[in-house]
Structure formats: structure tokens, C-alpha cells
Amino acid sequence: MRFGTPLQIKLVILGDGRVGKTSLALRYVHNVFSEKQMATIQASFLTKRLTVDGQVVSLCIWDTAGQERFHALGPIYYRDADAALLVYDLLDKDSFDRVQSWVRELKKMASKNIVLSIAGNKSDMAKSLHGNMQDAEMYAESIGATHFVTSAKLNAGIEETFMDIARRVMQQRAAEGIDNPASGPRRKSVVIADKETANTPPTSRCCS
């Protein structure tokens, strides 16, 4: 195992309101779930310490609001992001269409090397996934993203989703020859404990 300064990865979670972005993040970081999760206002920040292939990683997660009135704030949070997790509701086709809109925006405004992952959430409520999955999986493949089926309620597919994102970011950095965990202008600080902070300007946090 490699010790020392953790590798910092900035991840932004995007998607329509009520698709379960916050529930996924809270289940992953704190292993909690609420049927009455409050809507995120602007964004909330969480961190998760994990080990990927022997490398200690500090995953800095920006959970953004899905309401349309907060859309203009998006670039503040995905600017310089290493990865984006785009979440949609398996029962709501419009929310999947919105994922495609987010991808188009990321392609224009985010890093050209941003790692993309798509999560079809609320699998516990979807009676049949086969019809929903084909188009989503084909789309994910077409943009170089991975696709996962998740349920925050059942804690299904979540660990695999975030682990895959961290591993792919590490592979991307290795391909670019970035070996120093603290290298690059985005690595301003090291978060040493899991935290959750709501409505905090991103400039004061890890991976800002």
C-alpha cells in the first residue's frame, strides 16, 4: 500500500431534482438513507476517504441542486472537476434526457479529460429494467462513460459506482503522467476526515 498524501479527486454530481443525487451521496459517505430527504439548495459538500488499488484517495464530492433556478451555478462546481456522476431516475425518461443535456454542457465547459459516469437510480422502484437499460447503456458507451444501476434505499450499486469513478480518474492521471497526489493547481488542501457541509462556496474546500 502507498502511504503519504492522499490523491485528491474532485467529483461533481449532476442531475434533475428528486432523482436521488443527495441520497446516493449520503448513502455512500455516511451509509444513511431517508425517504424524506430534503432538496439540496445550491450544493452540499462531502468527502470520503477510500483506498483504490493500494492508493489512498480523498474523494471530494460536490452534490449540486437539480432545480432549474440553480442551473446557472453549475459551472462553479464542475469547473476543474476530475469526474462527473450524472444521475437520472429510472422511472422518469425526462430525467435521462436531462443527463444528455448535462453531458453536452460538460463537453463545452468542463475539462476535456473529465471522467463521466451515469447512474440510473431508484432500481428498487423499477419493475422492469431491461427496456430502460438498453438506450442508457448504449448512450453511456457512445460518450465513453460507464453506466450503473443504483438504489440509495437498498444500498445497491453505489460502492461500485464511486469506486469505478476513482479508479478511472487514477488511470486517466497515470496516462497523463501525473503521479504526485498533490500535483496540479487544483490540489489546494487535504481533507483528513469525512465531512458534510451545505451551501459553502467551493473556493474554500478540497479540490476547489
N, C-alpha and C. Protein backbone atom coordinates (compact mmCIF):
# COMPACT_ATOMS: atom_id res chain seq x y z
N MET A 1 0.84 -1.20 0.00
CA MET A 1 0.00 0.00 0.00
C MET A 1 0.87 1.24 0.00
N ARG A 2 0.45 2.28 -0.75
CA ARG A 2 1.18 3.53 -0.79
C ARG A 2 0.61 4.50 0.23
N PHE A 3 1.47 4.98 1.14
CA PHE A 3 1.02 5.91 2.16
C PHE A 3 1.41 7.33 1.77
N GLY A 4 1.18 8.28 2.69
CA GLY A 4 1.52 9.66 2.41
C GLY A 4 0.29 10.47 2.06
N THR A 5 0.49 11.53 1.29
CA THR A 5 -0.60 12.43 0.93
C THR A 5 -1.64 11.71 0.07
N PRO A 6 -2.92 11.77 0.47
CA PRO A 6 -3.94 11.12 -0.35
C PRO A 6 -4.06 11.78 -1.73
N LEU A 7 -4.44 11.00 -2.69
CA LEU A 7 -4.75 11.52 -4.01
C LEU A 7 -6.12 12.20 -3.93
N GLN A 8 -6.18 13.46 -4.28
CA GLN A 8 -7.45 14.20 -4.20
C GLN A 8 -8.18 14.15 -5.54
N ILE A 9 -9.44 13.78 -5.48
CA ILE A 9 -10.27 13.69 -6.68
C ILE A 9 -11.52 14.53 -6.46
N LYS A 10 -11.78 15.45 -7.35
CA LYS A 10 -12.98 16.29 -7.28
C LYS A 10 -14.07 15.68 -8.16
N LEU A 11 -15.18 15.36 -7.54
CA LEU A 11 -16.32 14.74 -8.23
C LEU A 11 -17.55 15.62 -8.06
N VAL A 12 -18.23 15.91 -9.14
CA VAL A 12 -19.47 16.67 -9.07
C VAL A 12 -20.62 15.75 -9.48
N ILE A 13 -21.73 15.84 -8.74
CA ILE A 13 -22.91 15.03 -9.04
C ILE A 13 -23.97 15.94 -9.64
N LEU A 14 -24.44 15.58 -10.83
CA LEU A 14 -25.39 16.39 -11.57
C LEU A 14 -26.64 15.57 -11.90
N GLY A 15 -27.74 16.28 -12.11
CA GLY A 15 -28.98 15.60 -12.48
C GLY A 15 -30.18 16.42 -12.04
N ASP A 16 -31.36 16.06 -12.53
CA ASP A 16 -32.59 16.74 -12.16
C ASP A 16 -32.85 16.65 -10.67
N GLY A 17 -33.73 17.53 -10.19
CA GLY A 17 -34.16 17.44 -8.81
C GLY A 17 -34.97 16.17 -8.58
N ARG A 18 -34.83 15.61 -7.40
CA ARG A 18 -35.59 14.44 -6.96
C ARG A 18 -35.18 13.13 -7.63
N VAL A 19 -34.06 13.09 -8.31
CA VAL A 19 -33.61 11.81 -8.89
C VAL A 19 -32.82 10.99 -7.87
N GLY A 20 -32.45 11.62 -6.76
CA GLY A 20 -31.77 10.88 -5.70
C GLY A 20 -30.29 11.14 -5.59
N LYS A 21 -29.81 12.28 -6.09
CA LYS A 21 -28.38 12.58 -6.03
C LYS A 21 -27.88 12.63 -4.58
N THR A 22 -28.59 13.38 -3.76
CA THR A 22 -28.18 13.52 -2.36
C THR A 22 -28.28 12.20 -1.62
N SER A 23 -29.33 11.44 -1.90
CA SER A 23 -29.49 10.14 -1.24
C SER A 23 -28.34 9.20 -1.59
N LEU A 24 -27.90 9.23 -2.85
CA LEU A 24 -26.75 8.40 -3.24
C LEU A 24 -25.49 8.83 -2.50
N ALA A 25 -25.26 10.14 -2.45
CA ALA A 25 -24.05 10.64 -1.80
C ALA A 25 -24.04 10.33 -0.31
N LEU A 26 -25.17 10.54 0.34
CA LEU A 26 -25.25 10.30 1.78
C LEU A 26 -25.15 8.81 2.11
N ARG A 27 -25.73 7.99 1.25
CA ARG A 27 -25.62 6.54 1.47
C ARG A 27 -24.17 6.10 1.33
N TYR A 28 -23.47 6.64 0.35
CA TYR A 28 -22.08 6.26 0.13
C TYR A 28 -21.16 6.74 1.24
N VAL A 29 -21.30 8.01 1.62
CA VAL A 29 -20.37 8.60 2.59
C VAL A 29 -20.72 8.21 4.03
N HIS A 30 -22.01 8.27 4.38
CA HIS A 30 -22.41 8.06 5.77
C HIS A 30 -23.26 6.80 6.00
N ASN A 31 -23.59 6.10 4.91
CA ASN A 31 -24.43 4.90 4.99
C ASN A 31 -25.77 5.18 5.68
N VAL A 32 -26.40 6.30 5.28
CA VAL A 32 -27.72 6.65 5.80
C VAL A 32 -28.67 6.86 4.63
N PHE A 33 -29.96 6.67 4.91
CA PHE A 33 -30.98 6.88 3.88
C PHE A 33 -32.25 7.38 4.55
N SER A 34 -32.89 8.37 3.91
CA SER A 34 -34.16 8.89 4.40
C SER A 34 -35.15 8.97 3.25
N GLU A 35 -36.37 8.50 3.50
CA GLU A 35 -37.43 8.59 2.49
C GLU A 35 -37.84 10.04 2.26
N LYS A 36 -37.53 10.92 3.21
CA LYS A 36 -37.96 12.31 3.15
C LYS A 36 -36.75 13.25 3.05
N GLN A 37 -35.84 12.90 2.17
CA GLN A 37 -34.63 13.70 2.00
C GLN A 37 -34.98 15.10 1.49
N MET A 38 -34.48 16.11 2.16
CA MET A 38 -34.72 17.50 1.75
C MET A 38 -33.96 17.80 0.46
N ALA A 39 -34.57 18.65 -0.37
CA ALA A 39 -33.91 19.05 -1.61
C ALA A 39 -32.66 19.87 -1.30
N THR A 40 -31.61 19.64 -2.09
CA THR A 40 -30.36 20.38 -1.92
C THR A 40 -30.54 21.82 -2.42
N ILE A 41 -30.03 22.77 -1.65
CA ILE A 41 -30.06 24.17 -2.05
C ILE A 41 -28.64 24.55 -2.49
N GLN A 42 -28.50 24.93 -3.73
CA GLN A 42 -27.22 25.25 -4.37
C GLN A 42 -26.33 24.02 -4.46
N ALA A 43 -25.67 23.66 -3.37
CA ALA A 43 -24.82 22.46 -3.39
C ALA A 43 -24.43 22.11 -1.96
N SER A 44 -24.09 20.85 -1.77
CA SER A 44 -23.52 20.43 -0.49
C SER A 44 -22.22 19.70 -0.77
N PHE A 45 -21.36 19.63 0.22
CA PHE A 45 -20.02 19.09 0.06
C PHE A 45 -19.78 17.96 1.04
N LEU A 46 -19.25 16.85 0.54
CA LEU A 46 -18.90 15.72 1.37
C LEU A 46 -17.53 15.20 0.94
N THR A 47 -16.86 14.51 1.85
CA THR A 47 -15.62 13.85 1.48
C THR A 47 -15.66 12.40 1.93
N LYS A 48 -14.96 11.57 1.22
CA LYS A 48 -14.87 10.14 1.53
C LYS A 48 -13.44 9.69 1.32
N ARG A 49 -12.88 9.09 2.36
CA ARG A 49 -11.54 8.51 2.25
C ARG A 49 -11.68 7.04 1.85
N LEU A 50 -10.98 6.62 0.83
CA LEU A 50 -11.02 5.24 0.38
C LEU A 50 -9.66 4.83 -0.15
N THR A 51 -9.48 3.54 -0.34
CA THR A 51 -8.24 3.02 -0.90
C THR A 51 -8.55 2.30 -2.20
N VAL A 52 -7.87 2.71 -3.25
CA VAL A 52 -8.09 2.14 -4.58
C VAL A 52 -6.77 1.56 -5.10
N ASP A 53 -6.74 0.26 -5.25
CA ASP A 53 -5.52 -0.41 -5.75
C ASP A 53 -4.29 0.01 -4.97
N GLY A 54 -4.42 0.10 -3.64
CA GLY A 54 -3.30 0.44 -2.79
C GLY A 54 -3.03 1.91 -2.61
N GLN A 55 -3.76 2.77 -3.33
CA GLN A 55 -3.58 4.22 -3.22
C GLN A 55 -4.68 4.82 -2.35
N VAL A 56 -4.29 5.61 -1.34
CA VAL A 56 -5.27 6.31 -0.52
C VAL A 56 -5.82 7.49 -1.32
N VAL A 57 -7.16 7.59 -1.35
CA VAL A 57 -7.82 8.62 -2.15
C VAL A 57 -8.76 9.43 -1.25
N SER A 58 -8.74 10.73 -1.42
CA SER A 58 -9.71 11.61 -0.79
C SER A 58 -10.68 12.08 -1.86
N LEU A 59 -11.89 11.53 -1.83
CA LEU A 59 -12.89 11.85 -2.84
C LEU A 59 -13.71 13.05 -2.36
N CYS A 60 -13.57 14.16 -3.07
CA CYS A 60 -14.25 15.42 -2.73
C CYS A 60 -15.51 15.51 -3.57
N ILE A 61 -16.67 15.39 -2.95
CA ILE A 61 -17.94 15.24 -3.66
C ILE A 61 -18.77 16.51 -3.55
N TRP A 62 -19.07 17.12 -4.70
CA TRP A 62 -19.99 18.25 -4.74
C TRP A 62 -21.34 17.75 -5.24
N ASP A 63 -22.33 17.77 -4.36
CA ASP A 63 -23.70 17.35 -4.67
C ASP A 63 -24.49 18.59 -5.03
N THR A 64 -24.82 18.77 -6.30
CA THR A 64 -25.44 20.01 -6.75
C THR A 64 -26.96 19.93 -6.74
N ALA A 65 -27.58 21.10 -6.64
CA ALA A 65 -29.04 21.19 -6.68
C ALA A 65 -29.54 20.91 -8.10
N GLY A 66 -30.69 20.26 -8.19
CA GLY A 66 -31.24 19.94 -9.51
C GLY A 66 -32.27 20.92 -10.00
N GLN A 67 -32.72 21.82 -9.11
CA GLN A 67 -33.76 22.76 -9.52
C GLN A 67 -33.24 23.72 -10.59
N GLU A 68 -34.10 24.03 -11.53
CA GLU A 68 -33.71 24.83 -12.69
C GLU A 68 -33.15 26.19 -12.27
N ARG A 69 -33.65 26.75 -11.18
CA ARG A 69 -33.20 28.10 -10.80
C ARG A 69 -31.74 28.12 -10.37
N PHE A 70 -31.17 26.93 -10.08
CA PHE A 70 -29.77 26.86 -9.68
C PHE A 70 -28.85 26.43 -10.83
N HIS A 71 -29.44 26.26 -12.01
CA HIS A 71 -28.66 25.73 -13.13
C HIS A 71 -27.45 26.59 -13.45
N ALA A 72 -27.61 27.91 -13.38
CA ALA A 72 -26.51 28.81 -13.74
C ALA A 72 -25.31 28.65 -12.83
N LEU A 73 -25.50 28.05 -11.65
CA LEU A 73 -24.40 27.86 -10.71
C LEU A 73 -23.55 26.63 -11.06
N GLY A 74 -24.04 25.81 -11.98
CA GLY A 74 -23.35 24.57 -12.32
C GLY A 74 -21.86 24.71 -12.58
N PRO A 75 -21.46 25.66 -13.44
CA PRO A 75 -20.03 25.78 -13.75
C PRO A 75 -19.15 26.05 -12.54
N ILE A 76 -19.71 26.66 -11.50
CA ILE A 76 -18.92 26.91 -10.29
C ILE A 76 -18.44 25.60 -9.69
N TYR A 77 -19.29 24.57 -9.79
CA TYR A 77 -18.99 23.30 -9.13
C TYR A 77 -18.29 22.30 -10.04
N TYR A 78 -18.58 22.31 -11.34
CA TYR A 78 -17.89 21.33 -12.19
C TYR A 78 -16.64 21.91 -12.84
N ARG A 79 -16.35 23.16 -12.60
CA ARG A 79 -15.09 23.75 -13.07
C ARG A 79 -13.93 22.98 -12.44
N ASP A 80 -13.03 22.50 -13.27
CA ASP A 80 -11.85 21.75 -12.83
C ASP A 80 -12.18 20.42 -12.15
N ALA A 81 -13.40 19.93 -12.32
CA ALA A 81 -13.73 18.63 -11.74
C ALA A 81 -12.98 17.52 -12.47
N ASP A 82 -12.55 16.53 -11.71
CA ASP A 82 -11.91 15.36 -12.32
C ASP A 82 -12.95 14.41 -12.90
N ALA A 83 -14.15 14.41 -12.31
CA ALA A 83 -15.17 13.45 -12.74
C ALA A 83 -16.56 14.03 -12.48
N ALA A 84 -17.52 13.52 -13.23
CA ALA A 84 -18.92 13.90 -13.03
C ALA A 84 -19.77 12.63 -12.99
N LEU A 85 -20.64 12.55 -12.00
CA LEU A 85 -21.62 11.47 -11.91
C LEU A 85 -22.97 12.06 -12.26
N LEU A 86 -23.54 11.59 -13.36
CA LEU A 86 -24.82 12.10 -13.84
C LEU A 86 -25.92 11.11 -13.47
N VAL A 87 -26.87 11.57 -12.69
CA VAL A 87 -27.89 10.69 -12.11
C VAL A 87 -29.25 10.95 -12.75
N TYR A 88 -29.96 9.87 -13.05
CA TYR A 88 -31.33 10.01 -13.53
C TYR A 88 -32.21 9.00 -12.81
N ASP A 89 -33.50 9.23 -12.86
CA ASP A 89 -34.50 8.36 -12.25
C ASP A 89 -34.94 7.34 -13.28
N LEU A 90 -34.80 6.07 -12.96
CA LEU A 90 -35.17 5.01 -13.89
C LEU A 90 -36.64 5.06 -14.30
N LEU A 91 -37.46 5.72 -13.51
CA LEU A 91 -38.89 5.82 -13.80
C LEU A 91 -39.26 7.10 -14.55
N ASP A 92 -38.28 7.93 -14.84
CA ASP A 92 -38.54 9.23 -15.43
C ASP A 92 -37.65 9.46 -16.65
N LYS A 93 -38.19 9.27 -17.83
CA LYS A 93 -37.41 9.44 -19.05
C LYS A 93 -36.89 10.86 -19.22
N ASP A 94 -37.67 11.84 -18.79
CA ASP A 94 -37.23 13.22 -18.92
C ASP A 94 -35.93 13.46 -18.16
N SER A 95 -35.76 12.79 -17.03
CA SER A 95 -34.54 12.98 -16.24
C SER A 95 -33.34 12.39 -16.97
N PHE A 96 -33.55 11.35 -17.78
CA PHE A 96 -32.46 10.81 -18.60
C PHE A 96 -32.12 11.76 -19.74
N ASP A 97 -33.14 12.37 -20.34
CA ASP A 97 -32.90 13.37 -21.38
C ASP A 97 -32.08 14.53 -20.81
N ARG A 98 -32.34 14.85 -19.55
CA ARG A 98 -31.60 15.94 -18.92
C ARG A 98 -30.13 15.58 -18.73
N VAL A 99 -29.86 14.30 -18.47
CA VAL A 99 -28.47 13.84 -18.37
C VAL A 99 -27.72 14.15 -19.66
N GLN A 100 -28.36 13.88 -20.78
CA GLN A 100 -27.72 14.15 -22.07
C GLN A 100 -27.45 15.64 -22.25
N SER A 101 -28.34 16.47 -21.73
CA SER A 101 -28.13 17.91 -21.80
C SER A 101 -26.93 18.32 -20.94
N TRP A 102 -26.81 17.71 -19.75
CA TRP A 102 -25.66 18.00 -18.89
C TRP A 102 -24.36 17.58 -19.57
N VAL A 103 -24.38 16.45 -20.24
CA VAL A 103 -23.18 15.97 -20.91
C VAL A 103 -22.74 16.95 -21.98
N ARG A 104 -23.69 17.46 -22.75
CA ARG A 104 -23.35 18.44 -23.78
C ARG A 104 -22.71 19.69 -23.16
N GLU A 105 -23.23 20.10 -22.01
CA GLU A 105 -22.68 21.27 -21.34
C GLU A 105 -21.28 20.99 -20.80
N LEU A 106 -21.09 19.81 -20.23
CA LEU A 106 -19.77 19.44 -19.71
C LEU A 106 -18.73 19.39 -20.83
N LYS A 107 -19.14 18.88 -21.98
CA LYS A 107 -18.22 18.78 -23.10
C LYS A 107 -17.73 20.17 -23.54
N LYS A 108 -18.59 21.18 -23.35
CA LYS A 108 -18.24 22.53 -23.75
C LYS A 108 -17.43 23.27 -22.68
N MET A 109 -17.74 23.03 -21.40
CA MET A 109 -17.25 23.91 -20.35
C MET A 109 -16.33 23.26 -19.33
N ALA A 110 -16.38 21.94 -19.21
CA ALA A 110 -15.54 21.27 -18.22
C ALA A 110 -14.22 20.84 -18.86
N SER A 111 -13.35 20.23 -18.07
CA SER A 111 -12.09 19.72 -18.59
C SER A 111 -12.35 18.70 -19.69
N LYS A 112 -11.52 18.73 -20.71
CA LYS A 112 -11.72 17.79 -21.82
C LYS A 112 -11.44 16.36 -21.38
N ASN A 113 -10.75 16.18 -20.26
CA ASN A 113 -10.43 14.84 -19.77
C ASN A 113 -11.32 14.40 -18.62
N ILE A 114 -12.42 15.10 -18.39
CA ILE A 114 -13.29 14.75 -17.27
C ILE A 114 -13.83 13.33 -17.43
N VAL A 115 -13.81 12.58 -16.37
CA VAL A 115 -14.32 11.20 -16.36
C VAL A 115 -15.82 11.25 -16.11
N LEU A 116 -16.59 10.58 -16.96
CA LEU A 116 -18.05 10.61 -16.85
C LEU A 116 -18.60 9.25 -16.43
N SER A 117 -19.59 9.30 -15.54
CA SER A 117 -20.30 8.09 -15.15
C SER A 117 -21.78 8.43 -15.05
N ILE A 118 -22.63 7.48 -15.41
CA ILE A 118 -24.08 7.69 -15.39
C ILE A 118 -24.71 6.65 -14.47
N ALA A 119 -25.61 7.11 -13.61
CA ALA A 119 -26.29 6.19 -12.69
C ALA A 119 -27.80 6.28 -12.88
N GLY A 120 -28.41 5.14 -13.21
CA GLY A 120 -29.86 5.04 -13.22
C GLY A 120 -30.31 4.65 -11.83
N ASN A 121 -30.92 5.60 -11.12
CA ASN A 121 -31.23 5.40 -9.71
C ASN A 121 -32.69 4.96 -9.49
N LYS A 122 -32.95 4.49 -8.28
CA LYS A 122 -34.26 4.02 -7.82
C LYS A 122 -34.62 2.68 -8.45
N SER A 123 -33.63 1.80 -8.55
CA SER A 123 -33.89 0.47 -9.12
C SER A 123 -34.86 -0.32 -8.25
N ASP A 124 -34.97 0.03 -6.98
CA ASP A 124 -35.91 -0.66 -6.08
C ASP A 124 -37.36 -0.40 -6.47
N MET A 125 -37.61 0.65 -7.25
CA MET A 125 -38.97 1.00 -7.64
C MET A 125 -39.30 0.61 -9.08
N ALA A 126 -38.28 0.25 -9.84
CA ALA A 126 -38.48 -0.09 -11.26
C ALA A 126 -38.78 -1.58 -11.39
N LYS A 127 -39.95 -1.91 -11.91
CA LYS A 127 -40.36 -3.30 -12.02
C LYS A 127 -39.57 -4.04 -13.10
N SER A 128 -39.33 -3.37 -14.21
CA SER A 128 -38.57 -3.99 -15.29
C SER A 128 -37.51 -3.02 -15.78
N LEU A 129 -36.25 -3.44 -15.71
CA LEU A 129 -35.16 -2.55 -16.07
C LEU A 129 -34.67 -2.76 -17.50
N HIS A 130 -35.01 -3.88 -18.10
CA HIS A 130 -34.41 -4.24 -19.39
C HIS A 130 -34.67 -3.17 -20.44
N GLY A 131 -35.92 -2.74 -20.57
CA GLY A 131 -36.26 -1.75 -21.58
C GLY A 131 -35.58 -0.42 -21.34
N ASN A 132 -35.43 -0.06 -20.09
CA ASN A 132 -34.81 1.21 -19.75
C ASN A 132 -33.30 1.20 -19.98
N MET A 133 -32.70 0.03 -19.80
CA MET A 133 -31.24 -0.04 -19.77
C MET A 133 -30.57 0.04 -21.12
N GLN A 134 -31.18 -0.51 -22.14
CA GLN A 134 -30.51 -0.60 -23.44
C GLN A 134 -30.10 0.76 -23.98
N ASP A 135 -31.04 1.70 -24.03
CA ASP A 135 -30.72 3.02 -24.55
C ASP A 135 -29.69 3.72 -23.68
N ALA A 136 -29.85 3.59 -22.37
CA ALA A 136 -28.93 4.27 -21.44
C ALA A 136 -27.52 3.71 -21.56
N GLU A 137 -27.41 2.39 -21.65
CA GLU A 137 -26.09 1.78 -21.75
C GLU A 137 -25.42 2.11 -23.09
N MET A 138 -26.21 2.12 -24.16
CA MET A 138 -25.66 2.49 -25.47
C MET A 138 -25.19 3.94 -25.48
N TYR A 139 -25.97 4.81 -24.84
CA TYR A 139 -25.58 6.22 -24.79
C TYR A 139 -24.30 6.38 -23.98
N ALA A 140 -24.23 5.72 -22.82
CA ALA A 140 -23.03 5.82 -21.99
C ALA A 140 -21.80 5.37 -22.77
N GLU A 141 -21.93 4.28 -23.48
CA GLU A 141 -20.80 3.78 -24.26
C GLU A 141 -20.38 4.77 -25.33
N SER A 142 -21.37 5.45 -25.93
CA SER A 142 -21.07 6.37 -27.02
C SER A 142 -20.29 7.60 -26.56
N ILE A 143 -20.37 7.94 -25.27
CA ILE A 143 -19.65 9.12 -24.76
C ILE A 143 -18.46 8.72 -23.88
N GLY A 144 -18.16 7.43 -23.84
CA GLY A 144 -17.04 6.97 -23.05
C GLY A 144 -17.30 6.94 -21.55
N ALA A 145 -18.56 6.85 -21.18
CA ALA A 145 -18.94 6.81 -19.76
C ALA A 145 -19.26 5.38 -19.34
N THR A 146 -19.22 5.13 -18.05
CA THR A 146 -19.71 3.88 -17.51
C THR A 146 -21.15 4.09 -17.04
N HIS A 147 -21.92 3.03 -17.02
CA HIS A 147 -23.32 3.13 -16.60
C HIS A 147 -23.58 2.13 -15.48
N PHE A 148 -24.22 2.61 -14.42
CA PHE A 148 -24.56 1.75 -13.28
C PHE A 148 -26.03 1.89 -12.94
N VAL A 149 -26.58 0.83 -12.39
CA VAL A 149 -27.94 0.85 -11.85
C VAL A 149 -27.82 0.88 -10.34
N THR A 150 -28.47 1.86 -9.71
CA THR A 150 -28.29 2.06 -8.28
C THR A 150 -29.62 2.17 -7.54
N SER A 151 -29.55 1.95 -6.25
CA SER A 151 -30.67 2.21 -5.35
C SER A 151 -30.10 2.72 -4.04
N ALA A 152 -30.38 3.98 -3.72
CA ALA A 152 -29.94 4.51 -2.44
C ALA A 152 -30.67 3.81 -1.30
N LYS A 153 -31.92 3.49 -1.52
CA LYS A 153 -32.72 2.84 -0.48
C LYS A 153 -32.15 1.47 -0.12
N LEU A 154 -31.77 0.68 -1.12
CA LEU A 154 -31.26 -0.67 -0.89
C LEU A 154 -29.74 -0.72 -0.80
N ASN A 155 -29.11 0.43 -0.97
CA ASN A 155 -27.64 0.50 -0.99
C ASN A 155 -27.07 -0.45 -2.04
N ALA A 156 -27.64 -0.37 -3.24
CA ALA A 156 -27.25 -1.26 -4.34
C ALA A 156 -26.52 -0.48 -5.43
N GLY A 157 -25.37 -1.00 -5.84
CA GLY A 157 -24.64 -0.43 -6.96
C GLY A 157 -23.87 0.83 -6.64
N ILE A 158 -23.93 1.32 -5.42
CA ILE A 158 -23.33 2.61 -5.08
C ILE A 158 -21.83 2.51 -4.88
N GLU A 159 -21.40 1.57 -4.09
CA GLU A 159 -19.96 1.39 -3.86
C GLU A 159 -19.23 1.16 -5.17
N GLU A 160 -19.83 0.34 -6.03
CA GLU A 160 -19.21 0.04 -7.32
C GLU A 160 -19.10 1.30 -8.19
N THR A 161 -20.13 2.14 -8.14
CA THR A 161 -20.14 3.35 -8.95
C THR A 161 -19.00 4.30 -8.56
N PHE A 162 -18.90 4.60 -7.28
CA PHE A 162 -17.87 5.55 -6.84
C PHE A 162 -16.47 4.96 -6.96
N MET A 163 -16.34 3.68 -6.70
CA MET A 163 -15.03 3.05 -6.84
C MET A 163 -14.57 3.08 -8.30
N ASP A 164 -15.48 2.83 -9.21
CA ASP A 164 -15.14 2.87 -10.64
C ASP A 164 -14.70 4.27 -11.05
N ILE A 165 -15.39 5.29 -10.55
CA ILE A 165 -15.02 6.67 -10.87
C ILE A 165 -13.61 6.96 -10.39
N ALA A 166 -13.32 6.61 -9.13
CA ALA A 166 -11.98 6.88 -8.57
C ALA A 166 -10.91 6.15 -9.36
N ARG A 167 -11.17 4.91 -9.69
CA ARG A 167 -10.17 4.11 -10.43
C ARG A 167 -9.92 4.69 -11.82
N ARG A 168 -10.97 5.12 -12.50
CA ARG A 168 -10.81 5.68 -13.84
C ARG A 168 -10.09 7.02 -13.82
N VAL A 169 -10.31 7.82 -12.79
CA VAL A 169 -9.57 9.08 -12.66
C VAL A 169 -8.09 8.78 -12.46
N MET A 170 -7.79 7.79 -11.62
CA MET A 170 -6.40 7.41 -11.40
C MET A 170 -5.75 6.92 -12.69
N GLN A 171 -6.48 6.14 -13.47
CA GLN A 171 -5.96 5.67 -14.74
C GLN A 171 -5.73 6.82 -15.72
N GLN A 172 -6.64 7.80 -15.68
CA GLN A 172 -6.50 8.97 -16.54
C GLN A 172 -5.25 9.75 -16.19
N ARG A 173 -5.01 9.93 -14.89
CA ARG A 173 -3.84 10.67 -14.46
C ARG A 173 -2.56 9.91 -14.79
N ALA A 174 -2.59 8.59 -14.63
CA ALA A 174 -1.42 7.79 -14.97
C ALA A 174 -1.09 7.94 -16.45
N ALA A 175 -2.13 7.96 -17.28
CA ALA A 175 -1.93 8.10 -18.72
C ALA A 175 -1.34 9.47 -19.06
N GLU A 176 -1.67 10.47 -18.23
CA GLU A 176 -1.16 11.82 -18.46
C GLU A 176 0.19 12.03 -17.79
N GLY A 177 0.66 11.03 -17.06
CA GLY A 177 1.94 11.15 -16.38
C GLY A 177 1.90 11.95 -15.11
N ILE A 178 0.70 12.05 -14.49
CA ILE A 178 0.55 12.78 -13.23
C ILE A 178 0.61 11.76 -12.10
N ASP A 179 1.73 11.70 -11.40
CA ASP A 179 1.94 10.71 -10.37
C ASP A 179 1.87 11.28 -8.95
N ASN A 180 2.15 12.57 -8.82
CA ASN A 180 2.16 13.19 -7.50
C ASN A 180 0.75 13.48 -7.03
N PRO A 181 0.28 12.91 -5.91
CA PRO A 181 -1.08 13.13 -5.45
C PRO A 181 -1.44 14.58 -5.23
N ALA A 182 -0.46 15.40 -4.93
CA ALA A 182 -0.76 16.80 -4.64
C ALA A 182 -0.45 17.72 -5.81
N SER A 183 -0.15 17.15 -6.97
CA SER A 183 0.25 17.98 -8.09
C SER A 183 -0.94 18.67 -8.73
N GLY A 184 -0.66 19.72 -9.49
CA GLY A 184 -1.70 20.41 -10.23
C GLY A 184 -2.27 21.58 -9.44
N PRO A 185 -2.77 22.59 -10.15
CA PRO A 185 -3.25 23.81 -9.49
C PRO A 185 -4.51 23.60 -8.68
N ARG A 186 -5.26 22.48 -8.90
CA ARG A 186 -6.50 22.30 -8.18
C ARG A 186 -6.28 21.74 -6.79
N ARG A 187 -5.11 21.15 -6.51
CA ARG A 187 -4.91 20.46 -5.24
C ARG A 187 -4.47 21.44 -4.17
N LYS A 188 -5.39 22.11 -3.53
CA LYS A 188 -5.04 23.17 -2.61
C LYS A 188 -4.95 22.70 -1.16
N SER A 189 -5.64 21.63 -0.80
CA SER A 189 -5.65 21.21 0.59
C SER A 189 -5.96 19.74 0.67
N VAL A 190 -5.79 19.19 1.85
CA VAL A 190 -6.06 17.78 2.08
C VAL A 190 -7.14 17.66 3.13
N VAL A 191 -8.20 16.96 2.83
CA VAL A 191 -9.26 16.72 3.80
C VAL A 191 -8.94 15.42 4.52
N ILE A 192 -8.92 15.44 5.84
CA ILE A 192 -8.48 14.27 6.58
C ILE A 192 -9.60 13.55 7.30
N ALA A 193 -10.83 14.03 7.16
CA ALA A 193 -11.95 13.34 7.80
C ALA A 193 -13.18 13.52 6.95
N ASP A 194 -14.09 12.53 6.99
CA ASP A 194 -15.35 12.65 6.26
C ASP A 194 -16.17 13.78 6.87
N LYS A 195 -16.68 14.67 6.00
CA LYS A 195 -17.46 15.80 6.47
C LYS A 195 -18.62 16.02 5.53
N GLU A 196 -19.61 16.79 6.01
CA GLU A 196 -20.67 17.25 5.13
C GLU A 196 -20.94 18.70 5.44
N THR A 197 -20.92 19.55 4.42
CA THR A 197 -21.17 20.96 4.61
C THR A 197 -22.10 21.43 3.51
N ALA A 198 -23.17 22.11 3.86
CA ALA A 198 -24.13 22.57 2.86
C ALA A 198 -23.93 24.05 2.57
N ASN A 199 -24.17 24.42 1.29
CA ASN A 199 -24.22 25.81 0.87
C ASN A 199 -22.93 26.55 1.18
N THR A 200 -21.78 25.92 0.92
CA THR A 200 -20.49 26.54 1.18
C THR A 200 -19.81 26.85 -0.14
N PRO A 201 -19.30 28.06 -0.33
CA PRO A 201 -18.62 28.39 -1.60
C PRO A 201 -17.49 27.42 -1.86
N PRO A 202 -17.35 26.92 -3.09
CA PRO A 202 -16.38 25.88 -3.38
C PRO A 202 -14.93 26.31 -3.24
N THR A 203 -14.67 27.61 -3.24
CA THR A 203 -13.28 28.05 -3.20
C THR A 203 -12.59 27.74 -1.87
N SER A 204 -13.36 27.41 -0.84
CA SER A 204 -12.75 27.19 0.47
C SER A 204 -12.55 25.73 0.79
N ARG A 205 -12.82 24.84 -0.18
CA ARG A 205 -12.84 23.43 0.12
C ARG A 205 -11.84 22.65 -0.73
N CYS A 206 -11.69 21.40 -0.33
CA CYS A 206 -10.84 20.46 -1.07
C CYS A 206 -11.21 20.43 -2.54
N CYS A 207 -10.20 20.35 -3.36
CA CYS A 207 -10.41 20.20 -4.81
C CYS A 207 -11.21 21.35 -5.40
N SER A 208 -11.11 22.52 -4.86
CA SER A 208 -11.85 23.65 -5.43
C SER A 208 -11.16 24.16 -6.68
